[in-house]
Amino acid sequence: MKTLYDVMQLLKNFGTIIYTGDRQADLDLMEEEIKELYKQQFISAKEFSTALLILRQRRNEK
């Protein structure tokens, strides 16, 4: 997993598609979904940390 697209595809695998039209809100919602997937043990610790890193990098780009 290297890009925001990869994170979106990971979420899509679990039936989650996020698009509100607001980039910041999308990133926030994606982060919450990733945290919930990890909490429920659907994704590994490595996937969790990588996804959070990507989301936080994208948030800081603006």
C-alpha atoms as a PDB file:
ATOM      1  CA  MET A   1       0.000   0.000   0.000  1.00  0.00           C
ATOM      2  CA  LYS A   2       1.621   3.214  -1.173  1.00  0.00           C
ATOM      3  CA  THR A   3      -1.062   5.699  -2.225  1.00  0.00           C
ATOM      4  CA  LEU A   4      -4.412   7.099  -1.170  1.00  0.00           C
ATOM      5  CA  TYR A   5      -5.930   5.048  -3.972  1.00  0.00           C
ATOM      6  CA  ASP A   6      -4.586   1.894  -2.299  1.00  0.00           C
ATOM      7  CA  VAL A   7      -6.234   2.919   0.986  1.00  0.00           C
ATOM      8  CA  MET A   8      -9.502   3.534  -0.857  1.00  0.00           C
ATOM      9  CA  GLN A   9      -9.261   0.082  -2.462  1.00  0.00           C
ATOM     10  CA  LEU A  10      -8.651  -1.504   0.944  1.00  0.00           C
ATOM     11  CA  LEU A  11     -11.800   0.158   2.272  1.00  0.00           C
ATOM     12  CA  LYS A  12     -13.697  -0.842  -0.861  1.00  0.00           C
ATOM     13  CA  ASN A  13     -12.800  -4.498  -0.179  1.00  0.00           C
ATOM     14  CA  PHE A  14     -14.842  -4.160   3.014  1.00  0.00           C
ATOM     15  CA  GLY A  15     -17.752  -2.454   1.266  1.00  0.00           C
ATOM     16  CA  THR A  16     -16.849   1.096   2.232  1.00  0.00           C
ATOM     17  CA  ILE A  17     -16.786   3.848  -0.375  1.00  0.00           C
ATOM     18  CA  ILE A  18     -16.241   7.361   0.916  1.00  0.00           C
ATOM     19  CA  TYR A  19     -16.837  10.448  -1.177  1.00  0.00           C
ATOM     20  CA  THR A  20     -18.445  13.540   0.314  1.00  0.00           C
ATOM     21  CA  GLY A  21     -16.965  16.092  -2.042  1.00  0.00           C
ATOM     22  CA  ASP A  22     -14.932  17.560   0.819  1.00  0.00           C
ATOM     23  CA  ARG A  23     -11.344  16.281   0.727  1.00  0.00           C
ATOM     24  CA  GLN A  24     -10.696  16.888   4.422  1.00  0.00           C
ATOM     25  CA  ALA A  25     -13.916  15.179   5.483  1.00  0.00           C
ATOM     26  CA  ASP A  26     -13.136  12.224   3.206  1.00  0.00           C
ATOM     27  CA  LEU A  27      -9.718  11.764   4.823  1.00  0.00           C
ATOM     28  CA  ASP A  28     -11.233  12.012   8.313  1.00  0.00           C
ATOM     29  CA  LEU A  29     -13.899   9.426   7.510  1.00  0.00           C
ATOM     30  CA  MET A  30     -11.353   7.098   5.941  1.00  0.00           C
ATOM     31  CA  GLU A  31      -9.188   7.333   9.058  1.00  0.00           C
ATOM     32  CA  GLU A  32     -12.154   6.472  11.275  1.00  0.00           C
ATOM     33  CA  GLU A  33     -13.032   3.488   9.087  1.00  0.00           C
ATOM     34  CA  ILE A  34      -9.426   2.230   9.126  1.00  0.00           C
ATOM     35  CA  LYS A  35      -9.359   2.502  12.925  1.00  0.00           C
ATOM     36  CA  GLU A  36     -12.612   0.551  13.168  1.00  0.00           C
ATOM     37  CA  LEU A  37     -11.367  -2.178  10.808  1.00  0.00           C
ATOM     38  CA  TYR A  38      -8.233  -2.560  12.921  1.00  0.00           C
ATOM     39  CA  LYS A  39     -10.209  -2.552  16.163  1.00  0.00           C
ATOM     40  CA  GLN A  40     -12.389  -5.360  14.801  1.00  0.00           C
ATOM     41  CA  GLN A  41      -9.207  -7.194  13.642  1.00  0.00           C
ATOM     42  CA  PHE A  42     -10.131  -7.162   9.937  1.00  0.00           C
ATOM     43  CA  ILE A  43      -6.775  -5.635   8.965  1.00  0.00           C
ATOM     44  CA  SER A  44      -3.254  -6.245  10.238  1.00  0.00           C
ATOM     45  CA  ALA A  45      -1.201  -3.851  12.326  1.00  0.00           C
ATOM     46  CA  LYS A  46       1.024  -3.212   9.298  1.00  0.00           C
ATOM     47  CA  GLU A  47      -1.957  -2.334   7.073  1.00  0.00           C
ATOM     48  CA  PHE A  48      -3.330  -0.128   9.838  1.00  0.00           C
ATOM     49  CA  SER A  49      -0.135   1.847  10.387  1.00  0.00           C
ATOM     50  CA  THR A  50       0.592   2.187   6.671  1.00  0.00           C
ATOM     51  CA  ALA A  51      -2.936   3.404   5.916  1.00  0.00           C
ATOM     52  CA  LEU A  52      -2.840   5.944   8.740  1.00  0.00           C
ATOM     53  CA  LEU A  53       0.546   7.221   7.575  1.00  0.00           C
ATOM     54  CA  ILE A  54      -0.749   7.690   4.015  1.00  0.00           C
ATOM     55  CA  LEU A  55      -3.914   9.449   5.191  1.00  0.00           C
ATOM     56  CA  ARG A  56      -1.998  11.792   7.489  1.00  0.00           C
ATOM     57  CA  GLN A  57       0.537  12.615   4.781  1.00  0.00           C
ATOM     58  CA  ARG A  58      -2.274  13.495   2.385  1.00  0.00           C
ATOM     59  CA  ARG A  59      -3.950  15.629   5.053  1.00  0.00           C
ATOM     60  CA  ASN A  60      -0.722  17.601   5.526  1.00  0.00           C
ATOM     61  CA  GLU A  61      -0.156  18.185   1.795  1.00  0.00           C
ATOM     62  CA  LYS A  62      -2.652  21.011   1.559  1.00  0.00           C
END
